[in-house]
Protein backbone atom coordinates (compact mmCIF):
# COMPACT_ATOMS: atom_id res chain seq x y z
CA MET A 1 107.68 88.57 99.83
CA LYS A 2 108.25 92.01 101.60
CA TRP A 3 105.96 95.15 102.56
CA THR A 4 107.20 96.86 99.18
CA ASP A 5 105.57 94.11 97.01
CA VAL A 6 102.30 95.66 97.45
CA GLN A 7 100.85 94.44 93.93
CA ASP A 8 102.00 91.08 94.56
CA ILE A 9 100.43 90.90 98.34
CA ALA A 10 97.17 92.48 96.98
CA ILE A 11 97.01 89.73 94.18
CA LEU A 12 97.64 86.99 96.95
CA LEU A 13 94.94 88.64 99.07
CA TYR A 14 92.53 88.63 96.33
CA GLU A 15 93.19 85.01 95.50
CA THR A 16 93.09 83.90 99.41
CA TYR A 17 89.99 85.95 100.22
CA PRO A 18 87.88 86.35 96.99
CA ASP A 19 84.75 87.22 99.06
CA VAL A 20 86.09 89.88 101.28
CA ASP A 21 85.54 93.49 100.67
CA PRO A 22 89.09 95.15 101.39
CA LEU A 23 87.31 98.24 102.32
CA THR A 24 85.53 96.77 105.13
CA LEU A 25 88.86 95.43 106.86
CA ARG A 26 90.49 97.44 109.50
CA PHE A 27 94.24 97.86 109.10
CA THR A 28 94.69 95.71 112.08
CA ASP A 29 92.91 92.83 110.54
CA LEU A 30 94.70 93.67 106.91
CA HIS A 31 98.36 93.70 108.73
CA ARG A 32 97.44 90.35 110.32
CA ARG A 33 96.20 88.78 106.99
CA VAL A 34 99.36 90.02 105.21
CA THR A 35 101.79 88.57 107.70
CA GLN A 36 99.99 85.36 107.69
CA LEU A 37 100.25 85.14 103.90
CA PRO A 38 102.56 82.18 102.48
CA GLY A 39 105.82 83.44 101.17
CA PHE A 40 105.52 86.65 103.47
CA ASP A 41 108.79 87.13 105.30
CA ASP A 42 109.07 90.84 106.00
CA ASP A 43 109.59 92.22 109.65
CA PRO A 44 106.01 92.80 110.78
CA LYS A 45 106.78 95.98 112.41
CA ARG A 46 107.96 97.68 109.30
CA SER A 47 104.50 98.39 107.85
CA ASN A 48 102.70 101.62 108.46
CA GLU A 49 99.45 103.23 107.42
CA LYS A 50 100.53 104.34 103.74
CA ILE A 51 101.74 100.72 103.09
CA LEU A 52 98.57 99.28 104.52
CA GLU A 53 96.38 101.59 102.42
CA ALA A 54 98.32 101.03 99.19
CA ILE A 55 97.83 97.28 99.74
CA GLN A 56 94.21 97.89 100.41
CA MET A 57 93.81 99.70 97.29
CA CYS A 58 95.63 97.49 94.98
CA TRP A 59 93.52 94.54 96.56
CA LEU A 60 90.30 96.44 95.64
CA ASP A 61 91.71 96.89 91.91
CA GLU A 62 92.26 93.30 91.76
CA LYS A 63 88.72 92.53 93.15
CA GLU A 64 87.02 95.17 90.45
């Protein structure tokens, strides 16, 4: 899984952390959680605020 797999990452985050409100996470915490997901194998340095925000919004959509 790569940073560009925003939807897949969001689904896995929701499945892994169903009780977490993604809007309460700082981007540093979100970054850590993404890089710790099973199957994530992209360079941690390739993320940016835009990617993290997209993941956060997709995760929120999954939660709702």
